Amino acid sequence: MLKSDLTATEQSVLNAVREEHLTSFEILKKVENVSLILSLYNILDKLNSKGVLKSYMKQNRKYHYAA
């Protein structure tokens, strides 16, 4: 996946999870250009479909990280 295939918002989300594994709420707090959790869920789904984001469950929380 080339960076040029990502929107600016998708790149911002991906940059946030490159440093550490984060929950959706933690990503929402870190990324300024995403204001609604539903928008973030759509972005996470797109990044997962593009193969650049992975997720896992730990203690009933879903964490996301850059693949």
N, C-alpha and C. Protein backbone atom coordinates (compact mmCIF):
# COMPACT_ATOMS: atom_id res chain seq x y z
N MET A 1 0.85 -1.18 0.00
CA MET A 1 0.00 0.00 0.00
C MET A 1 0.89 1.24 0.00
N LEU A 2 0.75 2.05 -0.98
CA LEU A 2 1.50 3.29 -1.07
C LEU A 2 0.79 4.37 -0.28
N LYS A 3 1.56 5.26 0.32
CA LYS A 3 0.98 6.35 1.08
C LYS A 3 0.09 7.23 0.21
N SER A 4 0.39 7.32 -1.07
CA SER A 4 -0.39 8.17 -1.96
C SER A 4 -1.81 7.63 -2.17
N ASP A 5 -2.03 6.37 -1.82
CA ASP A 5 -3.36 5.77 -1.95
C ASP A 5 -4.26 6.13 -0.77
N LEU A 6 -3.73 6.82 0.23
CA LEU A 6 -4.49 7.15 1.43
C LEU A 6 -4.89 8.62 1.41
N THR A 7 -6.08 8.90 1.94
CA THR A 7 -6.49 10.29 2.11
C THR A 7 -5.69 10.89 3.26
N ALA A 8 -5.73 12.20 3.41
CA ALA A 8 -5.02 12.87 4.50
C ALA A 8 -5.54 12.39 5.85
N THR A 9 -6.84 12.19 5.96
CA THR A 9 -7.43 11.73 7.21
C THR A 9 -7.00 10.30 7.52
N GLU A 10 -7.01 9.44 6.50
CA GLU A 10 -6.56 8.06 6.70
C GLU A 10 -5.10 8.03 7.13
N GLN A 11 -4.28 8.88 6.52
CA GLN A 11 -2.86 8.95 6.89
C GLN A 11 -2.69 9.42 8.32
N SER A 12 -3.51 10.38 8.77
CA SER A 12 -3.44 10.87 10.15
C SER A 12 -3.76 9.76 11.14
N VAL A 13 -4.80 8.97 10.83
CA VAL A 13 -5.17 7.85 11.70
C VAL A 13 -4.05 6.81 11.72
N LEU A 14 -3.52 6.49 10.57
CA LEU A 14 -2.44 5.51 10.49
C LEU A 14 -1.21 5.99 11.25
N ASN A 15 -0.88 7.26 11.16
CA ASN A 15 0.26 7.80 11.90
C ASN A 15 0.05 7.68 13.41
N ALA A 16 -1.17 7.86 13.86
CA ALA A 16 -1.48 7.77 15.29
C ALA A 16 -1.23 6.36 15.83
N VAL A 17 -1.54 5.34 15.03
CA VAL A 17 -1.38 3.97 15.52
C VAL A 17 -0.02 3.36 15.16
N ARG A 18 0.82 4.12 14.50
CA ARG A 18 2.18 3.63 14.21
C ARG A 18 3.01 3.57 15.49
N GLU A 19 2.82 4.54 16.36
CA GLU A 19 3.63 4.66 17.56
C GLU A 19 3.21 3.69 18.66
N GLU A 20 1.91 3.44 18.77
CA GLU A 20 1.39 2.56 19.81
C GLU A 20 0.02 2.02 19.41
N HIS A 21 -0.35 0.91 20.01
CA HIS A 21 -1.66 0.31 19.75
C HIS A 21 -2.70 1.12 20.54
N LEU A 22 -3.76 1.55 19.85
CA LEU A 22 -4.75 2.43 20.46
C LEU A 22 -6.16 1.91 20.25
N THR A 23 -7.05 2.26 21.19
CA THR A 23 -8.46 1.99 21.00
C THR A 23 -9.05 3.08 20.10
N SER A 24 -10.26 2.86 19.63
CA SER A 24 -10.91 3.85 18.77
C SER A 24 -11.03 5.20 19.48
N PHE A 25 -11.40 5.18 20.74
CA PHE A 25 -11.56 6.43 21.49
C PHE A 25 -10.22 7.16 21.63
N GLU A 26 -9.15 6.42 21.87
CA GLU A 26 -7.82 7.03 21.97
C GLU A 26 -7.40 7.65 20.63
N ILE A 27 -7.72 6.97 19.54
CA ILE A 27 -7.41 7.52 18.21
C ILE A 27 -8.19 8.81 18.00
N LEU A 28 -9.46 8.79 18.36
CA LEU A 28 -10.33 9.97 18.19
C LEU A 28 -9.76 11.17 18.94
N LYS A 29 -9.21 10.96 20.12
CA LYS A 29 -8.62 12.05 20.90
C LYS A 29 -7.31 12.56 20.28
N LYS A 30 -6.56 11.69 19.63
CA LYS A 30 -5.26 12.07 19.05
C LYS A 30 -5.35 12.72 17.68
N VAL A 31 -6.33 12.33 16.88
CA VAL A 31 -6.42 12.81 15.51
C VAL A 31 -7.41 13.98 15.46
N GLU A 32 -6.90 15.15 15.13
CA GLU A 32 -7.71 16.36 15.18
C GLU A 32 -8.73 16.47 14.06
N ASN A 33 -8.45 15.89 12.90
CA ASN A 33 -9.36 16.11 11.77
C ASN A 33 -10.47 15.06 11.68
N VAL A 34 -10.66 14.26 12.74
CA VAL A 34 -11.81 13.35 12.82
C VAL A 34 -12.56 13.72 14.09
N SER A 35 -13.81 14.19 13.91
CA SER A 35 -14.54 14.69 15.07
C SER A 35 -15.63 13.74 15.56
N LEU A 36 -16.06 12.79 14.73
CA LEU A 36 -17.14 11.90 15.13
C LEU A 36 -16.66 10.45 15.13
N ILE A 37 -17.06 9.70 16.15
CA ILE A 37 -16.64 8.31 16.27
C ILE A 37 -17.12 7.49 15.08
N LEU A 38 -18.31 7.79 14.54
CA LEU A 38 -18.80 7.03 13.38
C LEU A 38 -17.93 7.25 12.16
N SER A 39 -17.44 8.47 11.99
CA SER A 39 -16.50 8.74 10.88
C SER A 39 -15.22 7.94 11.07
N LEU A 40 -14.76 7.87 12.30
CA LEU A 40 -13.54 7.12 12.59
C LEU A 40 -13.73 5.64 12.28
N TYR A 41 -14.88 5.09 12.64
CA TYR A 41 -15.14 3.68 12.34
C TYR A 41 -15.08 3.42 10.84
N ASN A 42 -15.62 4.32 10.04
CA ASN A 42 -15.55 4.17 8.58
C ASN A 42 -14.11 4.21 8.09
N ILE A 43 -13.32 5.11 8.64
CA ILE A 43 -11.91 5.22 8.26
C ILE A 43 -11.16 3.96 8.65
N LEU A 44 -11.41 3.45 9.87
CA LEU A 44 -10.75 2.23 10.32
C LEU A 44 -11.09 1.05 9.41
N ASP A 45 -12.35 0.96 9.01
CA ASP A 45 -12.77 -0.11 8.09
C ASP A 45 -12.04 0.00 6.75
N LYS A 46 -11.92 1.22 6.23
CA LYS A 46 -11.23 1.42 4.95
C LYS A 46 -9.75 1.05 5.06
N LEU A 47 -9.10 1.47 6.15
CA LEU A 47 -7.69 1.16 6.34
C LEU A 47 -7.48 -0.35 6.49
N ASN A 48 -8.40 -1.00 7.18
CA ASN A 48 -8.33 -2.45 7.33
C ASN A 48 -8.48 -3.13 5.96
N SER A 49 -9.42 -2.65 5.15
CA SER A 49 -9.63 -3.21 3.81
C SER A 49 -8.41 -3.01 2.91
N LYS A 50 -7.70 -1.92 3.11
CA LYS A 50 -6.50 -1.63 2.32
C LYS A 50 -5.28 -2.41 2.82
N GLY A 51 -5.44 -3.08 3.97
CA GLY A 51 -4.37 -3.92 4.49
C GLY A 51 -3.30 -3.18 5.27
N VAL A 52 -3.55 -1.94 5.66
CA VAL A 52 -2.54 -1.17 6.37
C VAL A 52 -2.84 -1.05 7.87
N LEU A 53 -3.98 -1.61 8.30
CA LEU A 53 -4.37 -1.54 9.70
C LEU A 53 -4.83 -2.92 10.15
N LYS A 54 -4.44 -3.29 11.35
CA LYS A 54 -4.88 -4.55 11.97
C LYS A 54 -5.51 -4.21 13.32
N SER A 55 -6.33 -5.12 13.82
CA SER A 55 -7.00 -4.91 15.09
C SER A 55 -7.02 -6.21 15.89
N TYR A 56 -7.14 -6.08 17.20
CA TYR A 56 -7.27 -7.25 18.08
C TYR A 56 -8.04 -6.85 19.33
N MET A 57 -8.58 -7.84 20.01
CA MET A 57 -9.33 -7.61 21.25
C MET A 57 -8.44 -7.98 22.45
N LYS A 58 -8.48 -7.12 23.47
CA LYS A 58 -7.76 -7.39 24.71
C LYS A 58 -8.57 -6.78 25.84
N GLN A 59 -8.94 -7.59 26.81
CA GLN A 59 -9.73 -7.16 27.96
C GLN A 59 -10.98 -6.39 27.51
N ASN A 60 -11.70 -6.98 26.57
CA ASN A 60 -12.96 -6.43 26.04
C ASN A 60 -12.81 -5.07 25.36
N ARG A 61 -11.61 -4.74 24.92
CA ARG A 61 -11.38 -3.51 24.16
C ARG A 61 -10.71 -3.86 22.85
N LYS A 62 -11.09 -3.17 21.80
CA LYS A 62 -10.51 -3.40 20.49
C LYS A 62 -9.38 -2.40 20.26
N TYR A 63 -8.20 -2.91 19.99
CA TYR A 63 -7.02 -2.09 19.73
C TYR A 63 -6.68 -2.16 18.25
N HIS A 64 -6.15 -1.06 17.75
CA HIS A 64 -5.78 -0.95 16.34
C HIS A 64 -4.29 -0.60 16.26
N TYR A 65 -3.65 -1.10 15.19
CA TYR A 65 -2.23 -0.80 14.98
C TYR A 65 -1.90 -0.86 13.49
N ALA A 66 -0.84 -0.17 13.12
CA ALA A 66 -0.40 -0.14 11.72
C ALA A 66 0.19 -1.49 11.36
N ALA A 67 -0.24 -2.02 10.23
CA ALA A 67 0.25 -3.34 9.78
C ALA A 67 1.59 -3.22 9.09
